[in-house]
Amino acid sequence: MRKMKRSRNTKYASLTLLGNSEAAFPRSPGHAKIETFPNPKPARDYSIRLDCPDFTSLCPVTGAPDFAEILVEYVPDKHCLETKSLKLYLSAYRNVHSFNEQVINSILDDLVRVCRPRQMKIEGKFVPRGGISLSVSAEHPNPKLQNFP
């Protein structure tokens, strides 16, 4: 059998993680590479929703794991998030000691910086601990500061 050489579309040459079986989990979110690709319909407002049901970070006081479902919903502008790089980025939080509120706001800041969406909302639905469940959401742009259609 002859091996077929995979041709790489130059339009997507900047995507280094997708299709790379040797892509490793980053040591921390700061070491992660969040990749994007060109929005196929930049003139249209449409919504993209990504769901990460197995997110983990660590309590900054006890070191106990915090489990959550992370929801990312955004209206792209010029770029869309590439999902494998997002998966690797989110997995980097499993060794991060941080309060849930900080985690969600950091994710929003990082994703907005990389893909510059028209709108974005990050929601973390954390698994109950001690009989209390916690959900945190953060939005860009802040709807309280400007009109958010």
Protein backbone atom coordinates (compact mmCIF):
# COMPACT_ATOMS: atom_id res chain seq x y z
CA MET A 1 0.00 0.00 0.00
CA ARG A 2 1.20 3.44 -0.91
CA LYS A 3 0.96 6.17 1.72
CA MET A 4 -0.99 9.22 0.64
CA LYS A 5 0.74 12.47 1.47
CA ARG A 6 -1.67 14.82 3.16
CA SER A 7 -1.75 18.16 1.42
CA ARG A 8 -2.12 21.21 3.63
CA ASN A 9 -4.41 23.97 2.45
CA THR A 10 -2.33 27.17 2.64
CA LYS A 11 -5.43 28.99 3.85
CA TYR A 12 -5.18 26.98 7.07
CA ALA A 13 -1.39 26.69 7.31
CA SER A 14 -1.41 28.58 10.62
CA LEU A 15 -3.33 25.73 12.30
CA THR A 16 -0.54 23.71 13.88
CA LEU A 17 -2.50 21.65 16.42
CA LEU A 18 -5.38 20.30 14.31
CA GLY A 19 -4.28 17.03 12.74
CA ASN A 20 -1.11 16.96 14.85
CA SER A 21 -1.17 13.73 16.84
CA GLU A 22 1.86 14.89 18.84
CA ALA A 23 0.17 18.05 20.17
CA ALA A 24 0.66 17.97 23.94
CA PHE A 25 -1.35 19.38 26.81
CA PRO A 26 0.12 22.75 27.81
CA ARG A 27 1.64 23.22 31.30
CA SER A 28 -0.60 26.20 31.97
CA PRO A 29 -3.14 28.40 30.15
CA GLY A 30 -0.34 30.93 29.57
CA HIS A 31 1.64 28.29 27.64
CA ALA A 32 -1.36 27.28 25.52
CA LYS A 33 -1.71 28.26 21.89
CA ILE A 34 -5.30 29.17 21.00
CA GLU A 35 -5.63 29.01 17.24
CA THR A 36 -8.19 30.59 14.92
CA PHE A 37 -9.24 30.27 11.30
CA PRO A 38 -10.93 32.77 8.97
CA ASN A 39 -14.66 33.21 9.50
CA PRO A 40 -16.35 31.73 6.40
CA LYS A 41 -19.22 34.27 6.64
CA PRO A 42 -17.81 37.46 8.18
CA ALA A 43 -20.63 39.65 6.85
CA ARG A 44 -23.26 37.64 8.73
CA ASP A 45 -24.01 37.58 12.45
CA TYR A 46 -24.33 33.97 13.56
CA SER A 47 -23.74 32.23 16.84
CA ILE A 48 -21.25 29.47 17.66
CA ARG A 49 -21.69 27.47 20.87
CA LEU A 50 -19.00 25.22 22.30
CA ASP A 51 -19.56 22.98 25.30
CA CYS A 52 -16.79 21.52 27.46
CA PRO A 53 -18.53 19.20 29.95
CA ASP A 54 -15.35 17.95 31.68
CA PHE A 55 -13.49 21.07 32.80
CA THR A 56 -11.31 20.91 35.91
CA SER A 57 -9.40 23.48 37.96
CA LEU A 58 -8.20 23.54 41.57
CA CYS A 59 -9.46 25.37 44.64
CA PRO A 60 -6.83 27.97 45.59
CA VAL A 61 -7.25 27.27 49.32
CA THR A 62 -7.74 23.51 49.66
CA GLY A 63 -6.28 22.27 46.36
CA ALA A 64 -9.40 20.14 45.83
CA PRO A 65 -10.55 19.81 42.23
CA ASP A 66 -13.40 21.95 40.96
CA PHE A 67 -15.36 20.30 38.16
CA ALA A 68 -17.46 22.31 35.73
CA GLU A 69 -19.19 22.45 32.41
CA ILE A 70 -17.82 25.41 30.43
CA LEU A 71 -20.03 26.93 27.75
CA VAL A 72 -18.58 29.31 25.18
CA GLU A 73 -21.00 31.17 22.94
CA TYR A 74 -19.89 33.85 20.53
CA VAL A 75 -20.63 35.79 17.38
CA PRO A 76 -17.41 35.73 15.36
CA ASP A 77 -16.03 38.69 13.47
CA LYS A 78 -13.03 37.89 11.28
CA HIS A 79 -11.90 34.73 13.08
CA CYS A 80 -13.39 31.57 14.59
CA LEU A 81 -11.88 29.51 17.39
CA GLU A 82 -10.33 26.21 16.37
CA THR A 83 -11.78 23.60 18.73
CA LYS A 84 -8.76 21.32 19.28
CA SER A 85 -6.65 24.25 20.44
CA LEU A 86 -9.53 25.36 22.69
CA LYS A 87 -9.70 21.85 24.18
CA LEU A 88 -5.96 21.90 24.92
CA TYR A 89 -6.19 25.42 26.38
CA LEU A 90 -9.07 24.51 28.70
CA SER A 91 -7.30 21.32 29.81
CA ALA A 92 -4.38 23.46 31.02
CA TYR A 93 -6.57 24.70 33.88
CA ARG A 94 -6.51 21.32 35.60
CA ASN A 95 -3.37 22.39 37.50
CA VAL A 96 -4.41 26.00 38.11
CA HIS A 97 -5.30 27.07 41.66
CA SER A 98 -7.93 29.78 41.24
CA PHE A 99 -11.38 30.79 42.35
CA ASN A 100 -14.11 29.90 39.85
CA GLU A 101 -14.93 33.56 39.24
CA GLN A 102 -11.33 34.26 38.18
CA VAL A 103 -11.20 31.20 35.94
CA ILE A 104 -14.25 32.26 33.91
CA ASN A 105 -13.06 35.85 33.56
CA SER A 106 -9.57 34.70 32.51
CA ILE A 107 -11.02 32.40 29.85
CA LEU A 108 -13.13 35.26 28.48
CA ASP A 109 -10.13 37.62 28.41
CA ASP A 110 -7.92 35.08 26.62
CA LEU A 111 -10.52 34.07 24.01
CA VAL A 112 -11.51 37.68 23.25
CA ARG A 113 -7.84 38.63 22.86
CA VAL A 114 -7.25 35.84 20.35
CA CYS A 115 -10.36 35.87 18.13
CA ARG A 116 -11.80 39.37 18.72
CA PRO A 117 -15.46 38.34 18.45
CA ARG A 118 -18.37 40.71 18.05
CA GLN A 119 -19.90 39.18 21.17
CA MET A 120 -18.89 36.41 23.53
CA LYS A 121 -20.26 34.83 26.68
CA ILE A 122 -18.49 32.30 28.87
CA GLU A 123 -20.45 30.38 31.47
CA GLY A 124 -19.10 27.96 34.03
CA LYS A 125 -21.54 25.59 35.72
CA PHE A 126 -19.55 24.19 38.63
CA VAL A 127 -20.41 20.90 40.33
CA PRO A 128 -21.93 21.44 43.79
CA ARG A 129 -19.62 21.19 46.77
CA GLY A 130 -20.93 21.34 50.31
CA GLY A 131 -24.50 21.50 49.02
CA ILE A 132 -23.99 24.73 47.03
CA SER A 133 -23.73 24.92 43.27
CA LEU A 134 -22.10 27.89 41.57
CA SER A 135 -22.50 29.27 38.08
CA VAL A 136 -20.40 32.15 36.77
CA SER A 137 -20.87 33.99 33.49
CA ALA A 138 -18.93 36.82 31.88
CA GLU A 139 -19.66 38.65 28.64
CA HIS A 140 -17.91 40.73 26.00
CA PRO A 141 -18.80 43.42 25.39
CA ASN A 142 -20.23 44.05 28.82
CA PRO A 143 -24.00 44.47 28.19
CA LYS A 144 -24.27 46.86 31.12
CA LEU A 145 -21.76 49.22 29.52
CA GLN A 146 -23.20 49.24 26.00
CA ASN A 147 -26.04 47.86 23.93
CA PHE A 148 -25.76 44.11 23.56
CA PRO A 149 -28.13 42.97 20.80
